[in-house]
Amino acid sequence: MEIKENMTVLDLIKEMEKSGALGAGRLAKATQLFANSTGDEDTTVFLSVAGPLVPGGLRKIIFDLINDGFVNVLITSGANITHDLLESFGGRHYQGIKADDEELCEQGIGRIGDIYTKSHDFEVFEEKITEILSKIAEKQKIISIRELLFEIGTMIEDENSILKIAAQKGVPIYAPGLVDSMLGLQLWMFTQSEEFHLDAVGDMHGLSDIVFESKKVAAVLLGGGLPKHYALASNLLKGGVDAAIQVTMDRSETGSLSGAPLEEAKSWAKAKAGSNLVTVIGDVTIIFPMMVAGAREILNKNNE
């Protein structure tokens, strides 16, 4: 690889191709596959997001991908939904706070690595989301998770919100583990005094329609966990995805889904025989911004 002055991100990634099957070479292959998938009108792109990627700095990147039509379906953890709402309601994710964890607890500060949240912001979150839930419950007593997230998105004023832009662009958001989050906790507390029911199974109707109506499906899997499995398993109904990119730091030796090679998905018919699969081992917050920047350069050059 050669580093030159005034290189673009794509210039650097093209140099990484020389690394072959090592990490840099895999990033180059994933970037090209991401560009091919997002630039193909016949391909439906599923983006699954696990881990603290909104507080980790990817909120605007995900927002822009939805806004610019690069993502057709978003599957994420309840935590990322919560943190998107936290910022939408005026909260922040803080840096540079110095204290041990017991002192942080006493100060009402939660820690995610070296990113911090304040209990005051969550108090505002609780107040605002309860107001929104009350408005939704006035119209509908039984609602699917996707419908709930859409309704919330229509009531948010923050122009940088992932939920808001997804609602505006008609991109469905699925969060099968929503209850396992601060938003889920607020939902449970809300139902202690109000009649309101979440229909998780109801999401499969619309999701299966998307799968069957798609000519091709490409899955972009950031991290593993439930979002990864939900994205792949939903495509089992049609023999699996046509292409997939996985960015993870989890290992395969334990047999967990999060660290499982994408090729393993072929044995379950979650990825088709002959599907284009690329796994990049590394930190999503480093790799995915580079991948997106490189893919955007490729697409811009293709459109010139």
Protein backbone atom coordinates (compact mmCIF):
# COMPACT_ATOMS: atom_id res chain seq x y z
CA MET A 1 0.00 0.00 0.00
CA GLU A 2 1.15 3.51 -0.77
CA ILE A 3 0.08 6.65 1.05
CA LYS A 4 0.13 9.80 -1.07
CA GLU A 5 -0.62 13.45 -0.42
CA ASN A 6 -4.21 14.65 -0.83
CA MET A 7 -5.64 11.13 -0.99
CA THR A 8 -9.41 10.75 -0.76
CA VAL A 9 -11.00 8.06 1.38
CA LEU A 10 -11.63 6.01 -1.76
CA ASP A 11 -8.00 6.41 -2.84
CA LEU A 12 -6.93 4.93 0.50
CA ILE A 13 -9.46 2.10 0.27
CA LYS A 14 -8.26 1.22 -3.22
CA GLU A 15 -4.74 0.93 -1.82
CA MET A 16 -6.19 -1.38 0.82
CA GLU A 17 -7.24 -3.79 -1.93
CA LYS A 18 -3.59 -4.80 -2.09
CA SER A 19 -3.95 -6.35 1.35
CA GLY A 20 -5.89 -9.27 -0.12
CA ALA A 21 -7.90 -11.28 2.41
CA LEU A 22 -6.50 -9.40 5.40
CA GLY A 23 -8.53 -6.74 7.19
CA ALA A 24 -7.76 -3.88 4.81
CA GLY A 25 -8.58 -5.99 1.78
CA ARG A 26 -11.87 -7.05 3.32
CA LEU A 27 -12.78 -3.41 3.93
CA ALA A 28 -12.11 -2.67 0.25
CA LYS A 29 -14.35 -5.56 -0.83
CA ALA A 30 -17.09 -4.52 1.60
CA THR A 31 -16.97 -0.94 0.33
CA GLN A 32 -17.41 -2.04 -3.27
CA LEU A 33 -20.25 -4.40 -2.32
CA PHE A 34 -21.96 -1.64 -0.33
CA ALA A 35 -21.74 0.68 -3.34
CA ASN A 36 -23.03 -2.03 -5.69
CA SER A 37 -25.96 -2.84 -3.40
CA THR A 38 -27.03 0.72 -2.60
CA GLY A 39 -26.63 1.77 -6.23
CA ASP A 40 -28.83 -1.05 -7.56
CA GLU A 41 -32.50 -0.14 -7.87
CA ASP A 42 -33.43 -3.83 -7.79
CA THR A 43 -31.78 -4.40 -4.39
CA THR A 44 -33.54 -3.80 -1.09
CA VAL A 45 -30.99 -2.85 1.56
CA PHE A 46 -31.51 -4.02 5.14
CA LEU A 47 -29.35 -2.19 7.70
CA SER A 48 -29.10 -3.87 11.11
CA VAL A 49 -27.58 -1.87 13.95
CA ALA A 50 -26.50 -3.47 17.22
CA GLY A 51 -24.42 -2.02 20.02
CA PRO A 52 -24.28 1.63 21.16
CA LEU A 53 -23.78 3.08 17.69
CA VAL A 54 -25.95 6.17 18.15
CA PRO A 55 -24.06 7.32 21.26
CA GLY A 56 -20.91 6.08 19.50
CA GLY A 57 -21.25 8.76 16.83
CA LEU A 58 -23.03 7.10 13.89
CA ARG A 59 -26.39 8.83 14.31
CA LYS A 60 -25.87 11.36 11.49
CA ILE A 61 -24.39 8.74 9.18
CA ILE A 62 -27.44 6.50 9.60
CA PHE A 63 -29.72 9.54 9.23
CA ASP A 64 -28.05 10.53 5.95
CA LEU A 65 -28.20 6.99 4.54
CA ILE A 66 -31.95 6.92 5.12
CA ASN A 67 -32.43 10.47 3.85
CA ASP A 68 -30.48 9.79 0.66
CA GLY A 69 -32.26 6.53 -0.12
CA PHE A 70 -29.41 4.12 0.62
CA VAL A 71 -31.38 2.14 3.24
CA ASN A 72 -34.81 0.57 2.72
CA VAL A 73 -35.25 -1.23 6.05
CA LEU A 74 -33.67 -0.44 9.43
CA ILE A 75 -33.45 -3.08 12.16
CA THR A 76 -31.96 -1.92 15.43
CA SER A 77 -31.75 -2.40 19.16
CA GLY A 78 -34.08 -0.61 21.54
CA ALA A 79 -31.04 1.15 22.99
CA ASN A 80 -30.23 2.95 19.74
CA ILE A 81 -33.87 4.05 19.48
CA THR A 82 -33.69 5.33 23.05
CA HIS A 83 -30.49 7.28 22.43
CA ASP A 84 -31.87 8.80 19.23
CA LEU A 85 -34.86 10.02 21.24
CA LEU A 86 -32.63 11.21 24.07
CA GLU A 87 -30.92 13.61 21.66
CA SER A 88 -34.21 14.51 19.97
CA PHE A 89 -35.55 15.69 23.32
CA GLY A 90 -32.54 17.94 23.93
CA GLY A 91 -30.21 15.50 25.70
CA ARG A 92 -26.61 14.81 24.81
CA HIS A 93 -23.86 12.21 24.92
CA TYR A 94 -20.98 13.66 26.87
CA GLN A 95 -17.21 13.17 26.83
CA GLY A 96 -14.32 14.07 29.11
CA ILE A 97 -15.96 13.29 32.46
CA LYS A 98 -13.41 12.01 34.99
CA ALA A 99 -14.60 9.87 37.92
CA ASP A 100 -14.80 6.23 38.91
CA ASP A 101 -18.03 4.36 38.27
CA GLU A 102 -19.34 4.53 41.84
CA GLU A 103 -18.85 8.31 41.86
CA LEU A 104 -20.55 8.54 38.47
CA CYS A 105 -23.57 6.71 39.87
CA GLU A 106 -23.75 9.14 42.79
CA GLN A 107 -23.63 12.04 40.32
CA GLY A 108 -26.41 10.58 38.17
CA ILE A 109 -24.11 9.82 35.26
CA GLY A 110 -24.09 6.60 33.23
CA ARG A 111 -21.06 5.42 31.26
CA ILE A 112 -20.76 3.71 27.87
CA GLY A 113 -17.02 3.22 27.48
CA ASP A 114 -15.78 6.81 27.47
CA ILE A 115 -19.19 8.26 26.52
CA TYR A 116 -21.48 9.52 29.27
CA THR A 117 -25.18 10.24 29.80
CA LYS A 118 -26.84 12.28 32.53
CA SER A 119 -29.90 11.25 34.50
CA HIS A 120 -31.47 14.68 33.94
CA ASP A 121 -31.58 13.99 30.19
CA PHE A 122 -33.32 10.68 30.86
CA GLU A 123 -35.84 12.44 33.10
CA VAL A 124 -36.71 14.71 30.17
CA PHE A 125 -36.85 11.63 27.94
CA GLU A 126 -39.31 9.95 30.32
CA GLU A 127 -41.55 13.01 30.39
CA LYS A 128 -41.54 13.53 26.61
CA ILE A 129 -42.03 9.89 25.63
CA THR A 130 -44.93 9.53 28.07
CA GLU A 131 -46.64 12.50 26.39
CA ILE A 132 -46.16 10.88 22.99
CA LEU A 133 -47.37 7.48 24.15
CA SER A 134 -50.50 9.11 25.58
CA LYS A 135 -51.32 10.65 22.21
CA ILE A 136 -50.77 7.35 20.41
CA ALA A 137 -52.86 5.40 22.93
CA GLU A 138 -55.78 7.76 22.36
CA LYS A 139 -55.96 6.51 18.76
CA GLN A 140 -54.78 2.91 19.06
CA LYS A 141 -54.75 0.42 21.93
CA ILE A 142 -52.92 -2.41 20.11
CA ILE A 143 -49.92 -1.54 17.96
CA SER A 144 -46.94 -3.28 16.39
CA ILE A 145 -43.40 -2.16 17.18
CA ARG A 146 -42.88 -0.83 13.66
CA GLU A 147 -46.14 1.14 13.80
CA LEU A 148 -45.22 2.51 17.22
CA LEU A 149 -41.82 3.74 16.01
CA PHE A 150 -43.43 5.30 12.95
CA GLU A 151 -45.97 7.15 15.08
CA ILE A 152 -43.24 8.37 17.43
CA GLY A 153 -41.24 9.55 14.42
CA THR A 154 -44.13 11.69 13.18
CA MET A 155 -44.29 13.50 16.54
CA ILE A 156 -40.61 14.41 16.88
CA GLU A 157 -39.49 17.97 16.10
CA ASP A 158 -35.76 17.27 15.91
CA GLU A 159 -34.72 17.44 12.24
CA ASN A 160 -31.71 15.19 12.94
CA SER A 161 -33.70 12.29 14.36
CA ILE A 162 -33.37 8.84 12.79
CA LEU A 163 -36.98 8.06 13.73
CA LYS A 164 -38.24 11.28 12.19
CA ILE A 165 -36.43 10.91 8.85
CA ALA A 166 -37.44 7.24 8.61
CA ALA A 167 -41.10 8.21 9.09
CA GLN A 168 -40.79 10.94 6.48
CA LYS A 169 -39.08 8.69 3.94
CA GLY A 170 -41.30 5.68 4.55
CA VAL A 171 -38.42 3.51 5.76
CA PRO A 172 -39.75 0.97 8.29
CA ILE A 173 -37.84 0.55 11.54
CA TYR A 174 -37.98 -2.81 13.31
CA ALA A 175 -36.73 -3.22 16.88
CA PRO A 176 -37.60 -6.78 17.97
CA GLY A 177 -35.85 -6.30 21.32
CA LEU A 178 -37.46 -2.95 22.08
CA VAL A 179 -38.66 -4.00 25.53
CA ASP A 180 -35.02 -4.53 26.54
CA SER A 181 -34.26 -0.78 26.68
CA MET A 182 -35.14 2.38 28.57
CA LEU A 183 -37.92 2.96 26.05
CA GLY A 184 -39.22 -0.53 26.85
CA LEU A 185 -39.13 0.30 30.55
CA GLN A 186 -41.19 3.43 29.91
CA LEU A 187 -43.66 1.42 27.85
CA TRP A 188 -44.12 -1.00 30.74
CA MET A 189 -44.59 1.86 33.21
CA PHE A 190 -47.10 3.49 30.87
CA THR A 191 -49.17 0.30 30.70
CA GLN A 192 -49.50 0.22 34.47
CA SER A 193 -52.07 2.99 34.24
CA GLU A 194 -53.13 2.95 30.57
CA GLU A 195 -54.54 0.30 28.25
CA PHE A 196 -51.85 -0.14 25.61
CA HIS A 197 -50.52 -3.34 24.06
CA LEU A 198 -47.45 -3.96 21.92
CA ASP A 199 -47.88 -6.59 19.19
CA ALA A 200 -44.37 -7.86 18.37
CA VAL A 201 -45.59 -10.65 16.10
CA GLY A 202 -47.53 -8.12 14.04
CA ASP A 203 -44.29 -6.80 12.56
CA MET A 204 -43.75 -10.00 10.61
CA HIS A 205 -46.67 -9.28 8.28
CA GLY A 206 -45.13 -6.19 6.73
CA LEU A 207 -41.58 -7.48 6.95
CA SER A 208 -42.41 -10.69 5.09
CA ASP A 209 -44.17 -8.63 2.41
CA ILE A 210 -40.99 -6.60 1.91
CA VAL A 211 -38.92 -9.77 1.59
CA PHE A 212 -41.23 -11.38 -0.97
CA GLU A 213 -41.66 -8.18 -2.98
CA SER A 214 -37.89 -7.58 -3.23
CA LYS A 215 -36.06 -8.75 -6.34
CA LYS A 216 -32.82 -8.92 -4.35
CA VAL A 217 -31.87 -8.24 -0.73
CA ALA A 218 -28.54 -7.05 0.65
CA ALA A 219 -28.02 -7.01 4.42
CA VAL A 220 -25.54 -4.65 6.05
CA LEU A 221 -24.97 -5.99 9.56
CA LEU A 222 -23.30 -3.67 12.06
CA GLY A 223 -22.52 -5.81 15.08
CA GLY A 224 -24.46 -8.97 15.80
CA GLY A 225 -27.13 -9.88 18.30
CA LEU A 226 -30.85 -9.79 17.73
CA PRO A 227 -30.82 -7.18 14.90
CA LYS A 228 -28.44 -9.36 12.83
CA HIS A 229 -30.55 -12.47 13.32
CA TYR A 230 -33.82 -10.65 12.63
CA ALA A 231 -32.45 -9.33 9.33
CA LEU A 232 -31.18 -12.71 8.18
CA ALA A 233 -34.00 -14.86 9.54
CA SER A 234 -36.71 -12.74 7.93
CA ASN A 235 -35.10 -13.50 4.56
CA LEU A 236 -35.16 -17.24 5.23
CA LEU A 237 -38.74 -17.08 3.95
CA LYS A 238 -37.36 -16.54 0.44
CA GLY A 239 -34.21 -18.64 0.58
CA GLY A 240 -31.90 -16.06 2.11
CA VAL A 241 -30.19 -12.78 1.25
CA ASP A 242 -28.39 -12.26 -2.06
CA ALA A 243 -25.54 -10.30 -0.47
CA ALA A 244 -24.39 -9.35 3.01
CA ILE A 245 -21.71 -7.33 4.76
CA GLN A 246 -20.90 -8.01 8.39
CA VAL A 247 -18.78 -5.76 10.59
CA THR A 248 -18.12 -7.31 13.98
CA MET A 249 -15.52 -7.87 16.67
CA ASP A 250 -17.18 -11.02 18.01
CA ARG A 251 -15.46 -14.38 17.67
CA SER A 252 -16.80 -17.53 16.06
CA GLU A 253 -15.38 -20.11 18.48
CA THR A 254 -18.29 -19.92 20.94
CA GLY A 255 -20.86 -20.67 18.25
CA SER A 256 -22.71 -17.42 18.91
CA LEU A 257 -24.65 -15.76 16.12
CA SER A 258 -22.84 -12.46 16.64
CA GLY A 259 -19.48 -13.98 15.72
CA ALA A 260 -20.73 -16.54 13.22
CA PRO A 261 -19.20 -16.32 9.73
CA LEU A 262 -21.73 -15.18 7.17
CA GLU A 263 -21.09 -18.38 5.23
CA GLU A 264 -22.70 -20.29 8.10
CA ALA A 265 -25.98 -18.56 7.22
CA LYS A 266 -26.08 -20.57 3.98
CA SER A 267 -26.64 -23.77 5.97
CA TRP A 268 -29.82 -22.21 7.39
CA ALA A 269 -30.99 -20.78 4.04
CA LYS A 270 -30.55 -17.30 5.50
CA ALA A 271 -28.03 -16.56 2.73
CA LYS A 272 -28.47 -17.96 -0.76
CA ALA A 273 -26.04 -20.34 -2.42
CA GLY A 274 -23.67 -18.16 -4.43
CA SER A 275 -24.49 -15.05 -2.38
CA ASN A 276 -21.82 -12.34 -2.13
CA LEU A 277 -20.69 -12.24 1.51
CA VAL A 278 -17.99 -10.10 3.14
CA THR A 279 -17.05 -10.06 6.83
CA VAL A 280 -14.83 -7.32 8.23
CA ILE A 281 -13.45 -7.84 11.71
CA GLY A 282 -13.13 -4.56 13.58
CA ASP A 283 -14.75 -1.63 15.33
CA VAL A 284 -17.91 -0.53 13.54
CA THR A 285 -17.34 3.12 14.49
CA ILE A 286 -14.04 3.05 12.57
CA ILE A 287 -14.89 0.80 9.64
CA PHE A 288 -18.43 1.83 8.71
CA PRO A 289 -17.74 5.58 8.24
CA MET A 290 -14.86 4.69 5.91
CA MET A 291 -17.03 2.21 4.03
CA VAL A 292 -19.83 4.73 3.58
CA ALA A 293 -17.45 7.50 2.49
CA GLY A 294 -15.77 5.21 -0.02
CA ALA A 295 -19.05 3.89 -1.39
CA ARG A 296 -20.39 7.42 -1.82
CA GLU A 297 -17.29 8.31 -3.85
CA ILE A 298 -17.79 5.26 -6.06
CA LEU A 299 -21.45 6.13 -6.66
CA ASN A 300 -20.67 9.79 -7.36
CA LYS A 301 -18.07 8.77 -9.93
CA ASN A 302 -20.49 6.32 -11.53
CA ASN A 303 -23.07 9.12 -11.88
CA GLU A 304 -20.68 11.62 -13.45
